[in-house]
């Protein structure tokens, strides 16, 4: 007797196409357009999608998303700082680029820096263009100051540091935790400048956040039982420069350093079993503490 010829099935998604291949998971016939290579055989699009939904997302050692490997948050922060610098140049002319401190290498003040810089120990009775936090309720300065810079050189130095440090931290913590670290460290430095800088001294720059990133790398390396030799000299050198060079916000730099270390400690040492809860509550407490310090300082200022 002669064997019956094998009859080809049709693809369940494309009835006009014959096929001899079946999905290894659901056994439905699939044509070449629907085949997805698997470890054994091929799978249909629906089984591939179902497999992806059932897989746990890849997380970093501290619970962050693996999306941080792309460095998108770091590049976004650099872009925001650069865009603000362009606006500052537009409002302040060439004086925003150079002609200020460090022998003219830094830029001068602009309408934008005057409106957004932190005013240390700000009080009433100052010129209208330098309205203070305490006197006029301009709390936004505690945030905007970390995105403002006095000149292109000031911007480039901070953005270079952010590019070098930020990508590694974002890869380790994930983008959400990295941005929280950056913003809280920047805010912490600005609150410290408000508390301890000379009266009505205007300060601005991303260095408050950058100092926080340096401290965070130190904490992360310690948590992972890795050598701190790569970051420790950088921290020491920058702290020495902070005290040695005039017109640098000592309070802002040290405040950013301290808050960055504290945020990193909360994120890195949170117990795995309740990691998200402990991290979220811990960072919220830090934020509330910084707000409380600023409010307390305001209540202590003379009217």
Protein backbone atom coordinates (compact mmCIF):
# COMPACT_ATOMS: atom_id res chain seq x y z
CA UNK A 1 0.00 0.00 0.00
CA UNK A 2 1.27 3.48 -0.77
CA UNK A 3 1.63 6.04 2.09
CA UNK A 4 -0.80 8.95 2.18
CA UNK A 5 0.82 12.28 1.37
CA UNK A 6 1.36 14.63 4.29
CA UNK A 7 -1.15 17.47 4.10
CA UNK A 8 0.15 20.93 4.98
CA UNK A 9 -1.72 22.96 7.58
CA UNK A 10 -2.39 26.66 7.27
CA UNK A 11 -1.02 29.32 9.61
CA UNK A 12 -3.53 30.19 12.31
CA UNK A 13 -2.79 33.89 11.74
CA UNK A 14 -2.46 33.77 7.95
CA UNK A 15 -4.98 31.24 6.55
CA UNK A 16 -3.68 31.75 3.02
CA UNK A 17 -0.22 30.38 3.90
CA UNK A 18 0.49 26.67 4.19
CA UNK A 19 3.05 25.46 6.73
CA UNK A 20 4.48 22.31 8.27
CA UNK A 21 5.82 24.11 11.37
CA UNK A 22 3.98 24.29 14.68
CA UNK A 23 4.52 26.40 17.78
CA UNK A 24 6.41 24.37 20.37
CA UNK A 25 4.24 25.79 23.20
CA UNK A 26 0.67 25.76 21.85
CA UNK A 27 1.14 23.43 18.83
CA UNK A 28 -0.67 25.78 16.46
CA UNK A 29 0.62 25.94 12.88
CA UNK A 30 2.69 29.04 12.10
CA UNK A 31 4.12 30.40 8.87
CA UNK A 32 7.63 31.91 8.50
CA UNK A 33 6.25 35.41 9.17
CA UNK A 34 4.99 34.28 12.60
CA UNK A 35 7.96 32.17 13.67
CA UNK A 36 10.06 33.32 16.63
CA UNK A 37 13.15 31.25 17.28
CA UNK A 38 13.13 29.59 20.71
CA UNK A 39 15.64 27.44 22.57
CA UNK A 40 13.86 24.46 20.99
CA UNK A 41 11.91 24.97 17.77
CA UNK A 42 9.81 28.07 17.13
CA UNK A 43 7.04 29.88 18.98
CA UNK A 44 4.10 31.94 17.78
CA UNK A 45 3.80 35.67 18.58
CA UNK A 46 1.13 35.12 21.25
CA UNK A 47 3.21 32.56 23.16
CA UNK A 48 6.24 34.85 22.97
CA UNK A 49 4.21 37.74 24.41
CA UNK A 50 2.81 35.50 27.15
CA UNK A 51 6.33 34.36 28.05
CA UNK A 52 7.51 37.95 28.36
CA UNK A 53 4.62 38.82 30.67
CA UNK A 54 5.42 35.88 32.94
CA UNK A 55 9.11 36.79 33.26
CA UNK A 56 10.21 38.92 36.20
CA UNK A 57 11.80 42.20 35.06
CA UNK A 58 15.56 42.43 35.43
CA UNK A 59 16.56 44.52 38.47
CA UNK A 60 19.81 45.99 39.68
CA UNK A 61 21.46 45.01 42.95
CA UNK A 62 19.48 47.77 44.70
CA UNK A 63 16.10 47.14 43.07
CA UNK A 64 16.37 49.61 40.20
CA UNK A 65 15.24 49.12 36.63
CA UNK A 66 17.76 47.81 34.10
CA UNK A 67 16.73 50.75 31.88
CA UNK A 68 19.47 52.72 33.62
CA UNK A 69 22.04 50.97 31.46
CA UNK A 70 21.16 53.36 28.65
CA UNK A 71 22.07 56.43 30.72
CA UNK A 72 18.93 58.26 29.59
CA UNK A 73 18.35 60.06 32.89
CA UNK A 74 21.95 61.30 33.00
CA UNK A 75 21.74 62.64 29.46
CA UNK A 76 18.37 64.25 30.21
CA UNK A 77 19.76 66.09 33.24
CA UNK A 78 22.71 67.31 31.17
CA UNK A 79 20.30 68.49 28.49
CA UNK A 80 18.19 70.40 31.02
CA UNK A 81 21.26 72.14 32.45
CA UNK A 82 22.50 73.04 28.97
CA UNK A 83 19.07 74.38 27.95
CA UNK A 84 18.90 76.56 31.07
CA UNK A 85 22.39 77.89 30.28
CA UNK A 86 21.24 78.89 26.81
CA UNK A 87 18.28 80.78 28.28
CA UNK A 88 20.65 82.46 30.74
CA UNK A 89 22.89 83.58 27.86
CA UNK A 90 19.89 84.90 25.93
CA UNK A 91 18.75 86.95 28.91
CA UNK A 92 22.22 88.08 30.00
CA UNK A 93 24.18 88.51 26.78
CA UNK A 94 27.88 87.71 26.46
CA UNK A 95 28.43 88.59 30.10
CA UNK A 96 26.72 85.29 30.94
CA UNK A 97 29.56 83.39 29.23
CA UNK A 98 32.69 85.01 30.66
CA UNK A 99 33.95 88.10 32.42
CA UNK A 100 33.17 87.00 35.96
CA UNK A 101 35.23 85.11 38.55
CA UNK A 102 38.44 83.10 38.17
CA UNK A 103 40.14 85.80 36.18
CA UNK A 104 37.19 86.29 33.86
CA UNK A 105 36.82 82.60 32.96
CA UNK A 106 33.43 82.36 34.64
CA UNK A 107 30.35 84.29 33.62
CA UNK A 108 28.56 86.99 35.55
CA UNK A 109 25.06 87.15 36.90
CA UNK A 110 22.09 87.28 34.54
CA UNK A 111 18.40 88.01 35.08
CA UNK A 112 17.89 84.24 35.20
CA UNK A 113 20.53 83.55 37.85
CA UNK A 114 19.26 86.48 39.91
CA UNK A 115 15.75 85.04 39.78
CA UNK A 116 16.72 81.44 40.54
CA UNK A 117 19.90 81.30 42.63
CA UNK A 118 19.88 80.41 46.32
CA UNK A 119 20.34 83.35 48.64
CA UNK A 120 22.17 82.29 51.77
CA UNK A 121 20.55 83.53 55.00
CA UNK A 122 18.22 85.66 52.91
CA UNK A 123 16.37 88.44 54.72
CA UNK A 124 14.02 91.30 54.04
CA UNK A 125 15.13 94.67 52.77
CA UNK A 126 17.34 93.57 49.87
CA UNK A 127 17.14 94.97 46.30
CA UNK A 128 14.09 93.88 44.27
CA UNK A 129 16.24 91.94 41.79
CA UNK A 130 17.57 89.80 44.65
CA UNK A 131 14.35 88.94 46.42
CA UNK A 132 15.03 86.39 49.10
CA UNK A 133 13.60 83.05 50.09
CA UNK A 134 12.56 84.13 53.56
CA UNK A 135 11.41 87.62 52.67
CA UNK A 136 9.31 86.70 49.66
CA UNK A 137 8.56 83.00 49.93
CA UNK A 138 10.65 82.12 46.87
CA UNK A 139 11.17 78.50 47.90
CA UNK A 140 11.63 77.45 44.29
CA UNK A 141 15.19 78.82 44.50
CA UNK A 142 16.16 75.76 46.53
CA UNK A 143 15.47 73.68 43.40
CA UNK A 144 16.19 76.00 40.48
CA UNK A 145 19.66 76.88 41.73
CA UNK A 146 20.96 73.37 40.94
CA UNK A 147 20.24 73.95 37.22
CA UNK A 148 21.81 77.42 36.94
CA UNK A 149 25.47 78.19 36.21
CA UNK A 150 27.72 81.22 36.12
CA UNK A 151 29.19 80.87 32.66
CA UNK A 152 29.91 78.09 30.20
CA UNK A 153 33.08 76.93 32.00
CA UNK A 154 31.09 76.48 35.21
CA UNK A 155 28.53 74.46 33.27
CA UNK A 156 31.11 72.31 31.45
CA UNK A 157 32.96 71.37 34.62
CA UNK A 158 29.79 70.22 36.34
CA UNK A 159 28.37 68.45 33.29
CA UNK A 160 31.61 66.58 32.71
CA UNK A 161 31.48 65.33 36.29
CA UNK A 162 27.81 64.44 35.90
CA UNK A 163 28.57 62.50 32.69
CA UNK A 164 31.40 60.53 34.31
CA UNK A 165 29.67 59.80 37.62
CA UNK A 166 26.03 59.76 36.60
CA UNK A 167 26.12 56.92 34.07
CA UNK A 168 27.70 54.47 36.52
CA UNK A 169 25.31 55.38 39.31
CA UNK A 170 22.27 55.27 37.03
CA UNK A 171 23.35 51.84 35.80
CA UNK A 172 23.68 50.64 39.40
CA UNK A 173 20.59 52.24 40.96
CA UNK A 174 18.27 52.51 37.99
CA UNK A 175 16.97 55.81 36.55
CA UNK A 176 14.28 56.52 39.17
CA UNK A 177 16.55 56.11 42.19
CA UNK A 178 19.36 57.96 40.43
CA UNK A 179 17.18 61.00 39.71
CA UNK A 180 15.93 60.96 43.32
CA UNK A 181 19.55 60.93 44.50
CA UNK A 182 20.49 63.81 42.19
CA UNK A 183 17.56 66.01 43.17
CA UNK A 184 17.79 65.35 46.90
CA UNK A 185 21.55 65.95 46.96
CA UNK A 186 21.10 69.17 45.00
CA UNK A 187 18.29 70.26 47.29
CA UNK A 188 20.35 69.34 50.35
CA UNK A 189 23.25 71.46 49.19
CA UNK A 190 20.99 74.41 48.49
CA UNK A 191 19.29 74.12 51.88
CA UNK A 192 22.74 74.10 53.50
CA UNK A 193 23.66 77.22 51.53
CA UNK A 194 20.47 78.87 52.72
CA UNK A 195 21.31 77.96 56.31
CA UNK A 196 25.01 78.72 56.51
CA UNK A 197 26.19 80.92 53.62
CA UNK A 198 26.83 84.64 54.23
CA UNK A 199 23.74 86.81 54.32
CA UNK A 200 22.21 87.35 50.86
CA UNK A 201 25.14 85.57 49.11
CA UNK A 202 23.80 84.15 45.85
CA UNK A 203 24.95 80.64 44.91
CA UNK A 204 24.03 78.36 42.01
CA UNK A 205 25.31 75.33 40.14
CA UNK A 206 24.89 71.58 39.81
CA UNK A 207 27.93 71.02 42.01
CA UNK A 208 25.67 70.44 45.03
CA UNK A 209 24.20 67.42 43.24
CA UNK A 210 27.59 66.36 41.82
CA UNK A 211 29.11 66.27 45.30
CA UNK A 212 26.19 64.09 46.32
CA UNK A 213 26.98 61.71 43.45
CA UNK A 214 30.59 61.41 44.59
CA UNK A 215 29.48 60.52 48.10
CA UNK A 216 26.95 58.05 46.72
CA UNK A 217 29.62 56.17 44.77
CA UNK A 218 31.66 55.86 47.97
CA UNK A 219 28.67 54.37 49.84
CA UNK A 220 27.75 52.05 46.97
CA UNK A 221 31.30 50.71 46.68
CA UNK A 222 31.37 50.05 50.42
CA UNK A 223 28.02 48.25 50.24
CA UNK A 224 29.27 46.03 47.41
CA UNK A 225 32.50 45.31 49.29
CA UNK A 226 34.54 46.94 46.54
CA UNK A 227 37.56 49.21 46.85
CA UNK A 228 36.82 52.92 47.39
CA UNK A 229 40.24 53.85 46.00
CA UNK A 230 38.81 55.12 42.67
CA UNK A 231 36.50 57.70 44.29
CA UNK A 232 38.16 58.67 47.59
CA UNK A 233 40.94 60.84 46.08
CA UNK A 234 38.36 62.63 43.92
CA UNK A 235 36.27 63.48 46.99
CA UNK A 236 39.29 64.69 48.96
CA UNK A 237 40.59 66.85 46.09
CA UNK A 238 37.21 68.49 45.52
CA UNK A 239 36.73 69.17 49.23
CA UNK A 240 40.18 70.79 49.40
CA UNK A 241 39.37 72.95 46.36
CA UNK A 242 36.09 73.92 47.98
CA UNK A 243 37.95 75.49 50.90
CA UNK A 244 40.93 76.77 48.90
CA UNK A 245 39.21 78.66 46.08
CA UNK A 246 37.34 81.88 46.75
CA UNK A 247 33.66 82.38 45.90
CA UNK A 248 32.79 78.69 46.18
CA UNK A 249 29.82 77.71 48.30
CA UNK A 250 31.39 75.63 51.06
CA UNK A 251 28.03 75.00 52.68
CA UNK A 252 26.46 73.98 49.36
CA UNK A 253 29.20 71.50 48.48
CA UNK A 254 29.38 69.91 51.91
CA UNK A 255 25.60 69.82 52.22
CA UNK A 256 25.29 68.04 48.88
CA UNK A 257 28.03 65.61 49.94
CA UNK A 258 26.29 64.77 53.22
CA UNK A 259 22.80 64.38 51.76
CA UNK A 260 24.10 62.33 48.82
CA UNK A 261 25.78 59.93 51.24
CA UNK A 262 22.60 59.69 53.32
CA UNK A 263 20.38 59.00 50.30
CA UNK A 264 22.79 56.38 48.99
CA UNK A 265 22.90 54.71 52.41
CA UNK A 266 19.09 54.42 52.47
CA UNK A 267 18.98 53.00 48.93
CA UNK A 268 21.96 50.66 49.25
CA UNK A 269 21.31 49.25 52.73
CA UNK A 270 17.54 48.80 52.55
CA UNK A 271 16.66 45.16 53.41
CA UNK A 272 15.84 43.12 50.33
CA UNK A 273 12.54 41.83 51.74
CA UNK A 274 11.03 45.34 52.10
CA UNK A 275 13.39 47.23 49.87
CA UNK A 276 10.96 49.44 47.95
CA UNK A 277 9.04 50.39 51.11
CA UNK A 278 12.15 51.22 53.13
CA UNK A 279 13.71 53.16 50.25
CA UNK A 280 10.55 55.15 49.60
CA UNK A 281 9.91 55.99 53.24
CA UNK A 282 13.58 56.78 53.86
CA UNK A 283 13.85 59.20 50.95
CA UNK A 284 10.55 60.84 51.93
CA UNK A 285 11.89 61.41 55.45
CA UNK A 286 15.05 63.02 54.04
CA UNK A 287 12.94 65.32 51.84
CA UNK A 288 10.71 66.33 54.74
CA UNK A 289 13.75 66.94 56.95
CA UNK A 290 15.28 69.29 54.37
CA UNK A 291 12.01 71.18 54.01
CA UNK A 292 11.75 71.37 57.78
CA UNK A 293 15.27 72.81 58.09
CA UNK A 294 14.49 75.50 55.52
CA UNK A 295 11.23 76.41 57.25
CA UNK A 296 12.89 76.48 60.66
CA UNK A 297 15.67 78.75 59.40
CA UNK A 298 13.08 81.07 57.93
CA UNK A 299 11.28 81.38 61.25
CA UNK A 300 14.58 82.31 62.96
CA UNK A 301 15.42 85.18 60.61
CA UNK A 302 14.88 88.79 61.66
CA UNK A 303 12.03 90.65 59.98
